[in-house]
């Protein structure tokens, strides 16, 4: 029982500390976690999977015959 209370206390402390970090943040904004807005990924030509799939479908000249599959 003592271990459960200790674990609950540690989790509560972690949540409080994360909350304090969010409140005290100077610019009140977070970096975007989306791949398309990451400058390093842009340099390497990496986009989100949906965008890359859309581009590949546009540039593809061969048609897939579904009946042969």
PDB file of N, CA and C in Angstrom:
ATOM      1  N   UNK A   1       0.826  -1.192   0.000  1.00  0.00           N
ATOM      2  CA  UNK A   1       0.000   0.000   0.000  1.00  0.00           C
ATOM      3  C   UNK A   1       0.874   1.262   0.000  1.00  0.00           C
ATOM      4  N   UNK A   2       1.983   1.164   0.726  1.00  0.00           N
ATOM      5  CA  UNK A   2       2.870   2.316   0.814  1.00  0.00           C
ATOM      6  C   UNK A   2       3.481   2.642  -0.554  1.00  0.00           C
ATOM      7  N   UNK A   3       3.780   1.604  -1.335  1.00  0.00           N
ATOM      8  CA  UNK A   3       4.357   1.806  -2.670  1.00  0.00           C
ATOM      9  C   UNK A   3       3.369   2.481  -3.607  1.00  0.00           C
ATOM     10  N   UNK A   4       2.112   2.103  -3.512  1.00  0.00           N
ATOM     11  CA  UNK A   4       1.088   2.702  -4.368  1.00  0.00           C
ATOM     12  C   UNK A   4       0.954   4.191  -4.066  1.00  0.00           C
ATOM     13  N   UNK A   5       0.951   4.538  -2.789  1.00  0.00           N
ATOM     14  CA  UNK A   5       0.859   5.950  -2.400  1.00  0.00           C
ATOM     15  C   UNK A   5       2.089   6.713  -2.891  1.00  0.00           C
ATOM     16  N   UNK A   6       3.264   6.093  -2.800  1.00  0.00           N
ATOM     17  CA  UNK A   6       4.496   6.714  -3.275  1.00  0.00           C
ATOM     18  C   UNK A   6       4.446   6.949  -4.784  1.00  0.00           C
ATOM     19  N   UNK A   7       3.979   5.972  -5.531  1.00  0.00           N
ATOM     20  CA  UNK A   7       3.874   6.100  -6.987  1.00  0.00           C
ATOM     21  C   UNK A   7       2.869   7.189  -7.358  1.00  0.00           C
ATOM     22  N   UNK A   8       1.734   7.202  -6.710  1.00  0.00           N
ATOM     23  CA  UNK A   8       0.725   8.226  -6.978  1.00  0.00           C
ATOM     24  C   UNK A   8       1.280   9.608  -6.659  1.00  0.00           C
ATOM     25  N   UNK A   9       2.025   9.718  -5.578  1.00  0.00           N
ATOM     26  CA  UNK A   9       2.644  10.995  -5.213  1.00  0.00           C
ATOM     27  C   UNK A   9       3.666  11.454  -6.240  1.00  0.00           C
ATOM     28  N   UNK A  10       4.487  10.543  -6.754  1.00  0.00           N
ATOM     29  CA  UNK A  10       5.477  10.889  -7.775  1.00  0.00           C
ATOM     30  C   UNK A  10       4.818  11.315  -9.087  1.00  0.00           C
ATOM     31  N   UNK A  11       3.764  10.612  -9.468  1.00  0.00           N
ATOM     32  CA  UNK A  11       3.039  10.984 -10.686  1.00  0.00           C
ATOM     33  C   UNK A  11       2.393  12.361 -10.515  1.00  0.00           C
ATOM     34  N   UNK A  12       1.813  12.610  -9.372  1.00  0.00           N
ATOM     35  CA  UNK A  12       1.200  13.917  -9.110  1.00  0.00           C
ATOM     36  C   UNK A  12       2.248  15.024  -9.131  1.00  0.00           C
ATOM     37  N   UNK A  13       3.412  14.773  -8.558  1.00  0.00           N
ATOM     38  CA  UNK A  13       4.498  15.748  -8.576  1.00  0.00           C
ATOM     39  C   UNK A  13       4.963  16.034  -9.997  1.00  0.00           C
ATOM     40  N   UNK A  14       5.079  14.998 -10.806  1.00  0.00           N
ATOM     41  CA  UNK A  14       5.488  15.182 -12.207  1.00  0.00           C
ATOM     42  C   UNK A  14       4.468  16.020 -12.964  1.00  0.00           C
ATOM     43  N   UNK A  15       3.192  15.773 -12.752  1.00  0.00           N
ATOM     44  CA  UNK A  15       2.145  16.544 -13.429  1.00  0.00           C
ATOM     45  C   UNK A  15       2.186  18.000 -12.995  1.00  0.00           C
ATOM     46  N   UNK A  16       2.386  18.249 -11.723  1.00  0.00           N
ATOM     47  CA  UNK A  16       2.472  19.627 -11.213  1.00  0.00           C
ATOM     48  C   UNK A  16       3.678  20.337 -11.818  1.00  0.00           C
ATOM     49  N   UNK A  17       4.827  19.684 -11.852  1.00  0.00           N
ATOM     50  CA  UNK A  17       6.026  20.299 -12.415  1.00  0.00           C
ATOM     51  C   UNK A  17       5.875  20.579 -13.910  1.00  0.00           C
ATOM     52  N   UNK A  18       5.241  19.678 -14.649  1.00  0.00           N
ATOM     53  CA  UNK A  18       4.987  19.934 -16.070  1.00  0.00           C
ATOM     54  C   UNK A  18       4.041  21.113 -16.241  1.00  0.00           C
ATOM     55  N   UNK A  19       3.055  21.215 -15.380  1.00  0.00           N
ATOM     56  CA  UNK A  19       2.127  22.347 -15.427  1.00  0.00           C
ATOM     57  C   UNK A  19       2.827  23.663 -15.152  1.00  0.00           C
ATOM     58  N   UNK A  20       3.732  23.666 -14.198  1.00  0.00           N
ATOM     59  CA  UNK A  20       4.495  24.872 -13.891  1.00  0.00           C
ATOM     60  C   UNK A  20       5.354  25.267 -15.092  1.00  0.00           C
ATOM     61  N   UNK A  21       5.943  24.281 -15.760  1.00  0.00           N
ATOM     62  CA  UNK A  21       6.743  24.557 -16.949  1.00  0.00           C
ATOM     63  C   UNK A  21       5.916  25.187 -18.053  1.00  0.00           C
ATOM     64  N   UNK A  22       4.693  24.750 -18.203  1.00  0.00           N
ATOM     65  CA  UNK A  22       3.817  25.317 -19.236  1.00  0.00           C
ATOM     66  C   UNK A  22       3.410  26.741 -18.870  1.00  0.00           C
ATOM     67  N   UNK A  23       3.104  26.970 -17.618  1.00  0.00           N
ATOM     68  CA  UNK A  23       2.662  28.301 -17.180  1.00  0.00           C
ATOM     69  C   UNK A  23       3.796  29.326 -17.249  1.00  0.00           C
ATOM     70  N   UNK A  24       4.999  28.930 -16.898  1.00  0.00           N
ATOM     71  CA  UNK A  24       6.116  29.861 -16.857  1.00  0.00           C
ATOM     72  C   UNK A  24       6.827  30.033 -18.200  1.00  0.00           C
ATOM     73  N   UNK A  25       6.371  29.381 -19.214  1.00  0.00           N
ATOM     74  CA  UNK A  25       6.982  29.493 -20.544  1.00  0.00           C
ATOM     75  C   UNK A  25       6.852  30.931 -21.042  1.00  0.00           C
ATOM     76  N   UNK A  26       7.948  31.508 -21.543  1.00  0.00           N
ATOM     77  CA  UNK A  26       7.964  32.920 -21.898  1.00  0.00           C
ATOM     78  C   UNK A  26       7.088  33.261 -23.097  1.00  0.00           C
ATOM     79  N   UNK A  27       7.232  32.510 -24.190  1.00  0.00           N
ATOM     80  CA  UNK A  27       6.507  32.877 -25.410  1.00  0.00           C
ATOM     81  C   UNK A  27       5.133  32.215 -25.522  1.00  0.00           C
ATOM     82  N   UNK A  28       4.787  31.369 -24.595  1.00  0.00           N
ATOM     83  CA  UNK A  28       3.480  30.694 -24.554  1.00  0.00           C
ATOM     84  C   UNK A  28       3.142  29.990 -25.862  1.00  0.00           C
ATOM     85  N   UNK A  29       4.146  29.450 -26.509  1.00  0.00           N
ATOM     86  CA  UNK A  29       3.884  28.671 -27.714  1.00  0.00           C
ATOM     87  C   UNK A  29       4.836  27.485 -27.740  1.00  0.00           C
ATOM     88  N   UNK A  30       4.443  26.470 -28.458  1.00  0.00           N
ATOM     89  CA  UNK A  30       5.234  25.260 -28.570  1.00  0.00           C
ATOM     90  C   UNK A  30       5.599  25.050 -30.032  1.00  0.00           C
ATOM     91  N   UNK A  31       6.720  24.425 -30.255  1.00  0.00           N
ATOM     92  CA  UNK A  31       7.104  24.105 -31.626  1.00  0.00           C
ATOM     93  C   UNK A  31       6.105  23.134 -32.224  1.00  0.00           C
ATOM     94  N   UNK A  32       5.899  23.289 -33.508  1.00  0.00           N
ATOM     95  CA  UNK A  32       4.998  22.374 -34.192  1.00  0.00           C
ATOM     96  C   UNK A  32       5.649  20.998 -34.281  1.00  0.00           C
ATOM     97  N   UNK A  33       4.890  19.983 -34.061  1.00  0.00           N
ATOM     98  CA  UNK A  33       5.396  18.621 -34.130  1.00  0.00           C
ATOM     99  C   UNK A  33       5.117  17.988 -35.490  1.00  0.00           C
ATOM    100  N   UNK A  34       4.566  18.761 -36.419  1.00  0.00           N
ATOM    101  CA  UNK A  34       4.237  18.235 -37.732  1.00  0.00           C
ATOM    102  C   UNK A  34       5.487  18.191 -38.598  1.00  0.00           C
ATOM    103  N   UNK A  35       5.656  17.137 -39.337  1.00  0.00           N
ATOM    104  CA  UNK A  35       6.849  16.929 -40.155  1.00  0.00           C
ATOM    105  C   UNK A  35       7.023  18.037 -41.182  1.00  0.00           C
ATOM    106  N   UNK A  36       5.953  18.480 -41.790  1.00  0.00           N
ATOM    107  CA  UNK A  36       6.033  19.464 -42.871  1.00  0.00           C
ATOM    108  C   UNK A  36       6.552  20.817 -42.393  1.00  0.00           C
ATOM    109  N   UNK A  37       6.495  21.105 -41.120  1.00  0.00           N
ATOM    110  CA  UNK A  37       6.934  22.396 -40.603  1.00  0.00           C
ATOM    111  C   UNK A  37       8.301  22.328 -39.934  1.00  0.00           C
ATOM    112  N   UNK A  38       8.992  21.203 -40.063  1.00  0.00           N
ATOM    113  CA  UNK A  38      10.314  21.037 -39.496  1.00  0.00           C
ATOM    114  C   UNK A  38      11.350  21.448 -40.538  1.00  0.00           C
ATOM    115  N   UNK A  39      12.186  22.440 -40.227  1.00  0.00           N
ATOM    116  CA  UNK A  39      13.126  22.985 -41.213  1.00  0.00           C
ATOM    117  C   UNK A  39      14.169  21.958 -41.642  1.00  0.00           C
ATOM    118  N   UNK A  40      14.625  21.117 -40.741  1.00  0.00           N
ATOM    119  CA  UNK A  40      15.626  20.099 -41.103  1.00  0.00           C
ATOM    120  C   UNK A  40      15.031  19.075 -42.070  1.00  0.00           C
ATOM    121  N   UNK A  41      13.801  18.697 -41.850  1.00  0.00           N
ATOM    122  CA  UNK A  41      13.156  17.740 -42.747  1.00  0.00           C
ATOM    123  C   UNK A  41      12.916  18.370 -44.114  1.00  0.00           C
ATOM    124  N   UNK A  42      12.602  19.666 -44.140  1.00  0.00           N
ATOM    125  CA  UNK A  42      12.425  20.366 -45.417  1.00  0.00           C
ATOM    126  C   UNK A  42      13.711  20.356 -46.217  1.00  0.00           C
ATOM    127  N   UNK A  43      14.848  20.553 -45.546  1.00  0.00           N
ATOM    128  CA  UNK A  43      16.138  20.541 -46.224  1.00  0.00           C
ATOM    129  C   UNK A  43      16.411  19.184 -46.867  1.00  0.00           C
ATOM    130  N   UNK A  44      15.980  18.113 -46.217  1.00  0.00           N
ATOM    131  CA  UNK A  44      16.193  16.770 -46.741  1.00  0.00           C
ATOM    132  C   UNK A  44      15.119  16.343 -47.728  1.00  0.00           C
ATOM    133  N   UNK A  45      14.119  17.195 -47.948  1.00  0.00           N
ATOM    134  CA  UNK A  45      13.053  16.886 -48.890  1.00  0.00           C
ATOM    135  C   UNK A  45      12.021  15.917 -48.362  1.00  0.00           C
ATOM    136  N   UNK A  46      11.890  15.842 -47.047  1.00  0.00           N
ATOM    137  CA  UNK A  46      10.933  14.929 -46.429  1.00  0.00           C
ATOM    138  C   UNK A  46       9.663  15.701 -46.098  1.00  0.00           C
ATOM    139  N   UNK A  47       8.523  15.166 -46.527  1.00  0.00           N
ATOM    140  CA  UNK A  47       7.218  15.759 -46.238  1.00  0.00           C
ATOM    141  C   UNK A  47       6.427  14.758 -45.422  1.00  0.00           C
ATOM    142  N   UNK A  48       5.203  15.116 -45.110  1.00  0.00           N
ATOM    143  CA  UNK A  48       4.346  14.144 -44.436  1.00  0.00           C
ATOM    144  C   UNK A  48       3.960  13.049 -45.437  1.00  0.00           C
ATOM    145  N   UNK A  49       3.607  11.901 -44.938  1.00  0.00           N
ATOM    146  CA  UNK A  49       3.326  10.748 -45.788  1.00  0.00           C
ATOM    147  C   UNK A  49       2.175  11.027 -46.748  1.00  0.00           C
ATOM    148  N   UNK A  50       1.176  11.743 -46.305  1.00  0.00           N
ATOM    149  CA  UNK A  50       0.032  12.046 -47.167  1.00  0.00           C
ATOM    150  C   UNK A  50       0.451  12.912 -48.344  1.00  0.00           C
ATOM    151  N   UNK A  51       1.273  13.923 -48.089  1.00  0.00           N
ATOM    152  CA  UNK A  51       1.736  14.803 -49.166  1.00  0.00           C
ATOM    153  C   UNK A  51       2.633  14.054 -50.142  1.00  0.00           C
ATOM    154  N   UNK A  52       3.530  13.220 -49.630  1.00  0.00           N
ATOM    155  CA  UNK A  52       4.408  12.463 -50.505  1.00  0.00           C
ATOM    156  C   UNK A  52       3.619  11.481 -51.355  1.00  0.00           C
ATOM    157  N   UNK A  53       2.611  10.862 -50.785  1.00  0.00           N
ATOM    158  CA  UNK A  53       1.782   9.936 -51.544  1.00  0.00           C
ATOM    159  C   UNK A  53       1.032  10.671 -52.646  1.00  0.00           C
ATOM    160  N   UNK A  54       0.499  11.845 -52.337  1.00  0.00           N
ATOM    161  CA  UNK A  54      -0.220  12.648 -53.319  1.00  0.00           C
ATOM    162  C   UNK A  54       0.702  13.035 -54.478  1.00  0.00           C
ATOM    163  N   UNK A  55       1.935  13.446 -54.165  1.00  0.00           N
ATOM    164  CA  UNK A  55       2.895  13.815 -55.201  1.00  0.00           C
ATOM    165  C   UNK A  55       3.261  12.606 -56.067  1.00  0.00           C
ATOM    166  N   UNK A  56       3.452  11.463 -55.449  1.00  0.00           N
ATOM    167  CA  UNK A  56       3.803  10.259 -56.199  1.00  0.00           C
ATOM    168  C   UNK A  56       2.668   9.844 -57.124  1.00  0.00           C
ATOM    169  N   UNK A  57       1.448  10.001 -56.683  1.00  0.00           N
ATOM    170  CA  UNK A  57       0.316   9.635 -57.543  1.00  0.00           C
ATOM    171  C   UNK A  57       0.179  10.593 -58.724  1.00  0.00           C
ATOM    172  N   UNK A  58       0.517  11.870 -58.514  1.00  0.00           N
ATOM    173  CA  UNK A  58       0.446  12.841 -59.605  1.00  0.00           C
ATOM    174  C   UNK A  58       1.493  12.560 -60.675  1.00  0.00           C
ATOM    175  N   UNK A  59       2.693  12.203 -60.247  1.00  0.00           N
ATOM    176  CA  UNK A  59       3.792  12.013 -61.194  1.00  0.00           C
ATOM    177  C   UNK A  59       3.803  10.630 -61.815  1.00  0.00           C
ATOM    178  N   UNK A  60       3.062   9.701 -61.279  1.00  0.00           N
ATOM    179  CA  UNK A  60       3.036   8.342 -61.812  1.00  0.00           C
ATOM    180  C   UNK A  60       2.304   8.321 -63.147  1.00  0.00           C
ATOM    181  N   UNK A  61       2.951   7.722 -64.150  1.00  0.00           N
ATOM    182  CA  UNK A  61       2.341   7.653 -65.482  1.00  0.00           C
ATOM    183  C   UNK A  61       1.717   6.292 -65.749  1.00  0.00           C
ATOM    184  N   UNK A  62       2.132   5.287 -65.005  1.00  0.00           N
ATOM    185  CA  UNK A  62       1.593   3.953 -65.251  1.00  0.00           C
ATOM    186  C   UNK A  62       0.308   3.743 -64.470  1.00  0.00           C
ATOM    187  N   UNK A  63      -0.617   3.096 -65.094  1.00  0.00           N
ATOM    188  CA  UNK A  63      -1.890   2.778 -64.465  1.00  0.00           C
ATOM    189  C   UNK A  63      -1.825   1.346 -63.933  1.00  0.00           C
ATOM    190  N   UNK A  64      -2.471   1.102 -62.843  1.00  0.00           N
ATOM    191  CA  UNK A  64      -2.522  -0.230 -62.272  1.00  0.00           C
ATOM    192  C   UNK A  64      -3.798  -0.897 -62.727  1.00  0.00           C
ATOM    193  N   UNK A  65      -3.650  -2.074 -63.327  1.00  0.00           N
ATOM    194  CA  UNK A  65      -4.804  -2.843 -63.768  1.00  0.00           C
ATOM    195  C   UNK A  65      -5.255  -3.696 -62.593  1.00  0.00           C
ATOM    196  N   UNK A  66      -6.348  -3.333 -61.981  1.00  0.00           N
ATOM    197  CA  UNK A  66      -6.832  -4.004 -60.782  1.00  0.00           C
ATOM    198  C   UNK A  66      -7.290  -5.428 -61.091  1.00  0.00           C
ATOM    199  N   UNK A  67      -7.736  -5.672 -62.300  1.00  0.00           N
ATOM    200  CA  UNK A  67      -8.227  -7.001 -62.661  1.00  0.00           C
ATOM    201  C   UNK A  67      -7.109  -8.036 -62.689  1.00  0.00           C
ATOM    202  N   UNK A  68      -5.868  -7.601 -62.933  1.00  0.00           N
ATOM    203  CA  UNK A  68      -4.738  -8.526 -62.974  1.00  0.00           C
ATOM    204  C   UNK A  68      -4.195  -8.875 -61.597  1.00  0.00           C
ATOM    205  N   UNK A  69      -4.581  -8.142 -60.600  1.00  0.00           N
ATOM    206  CA  UNK A  69      -4.032  -8.364 -59.260  1.00  0.00           C
ATOM    207  C   UNK A  69      -4.652  -9.574 -58.627  1.00  0.00           C
TER     208      UNK A  69
END
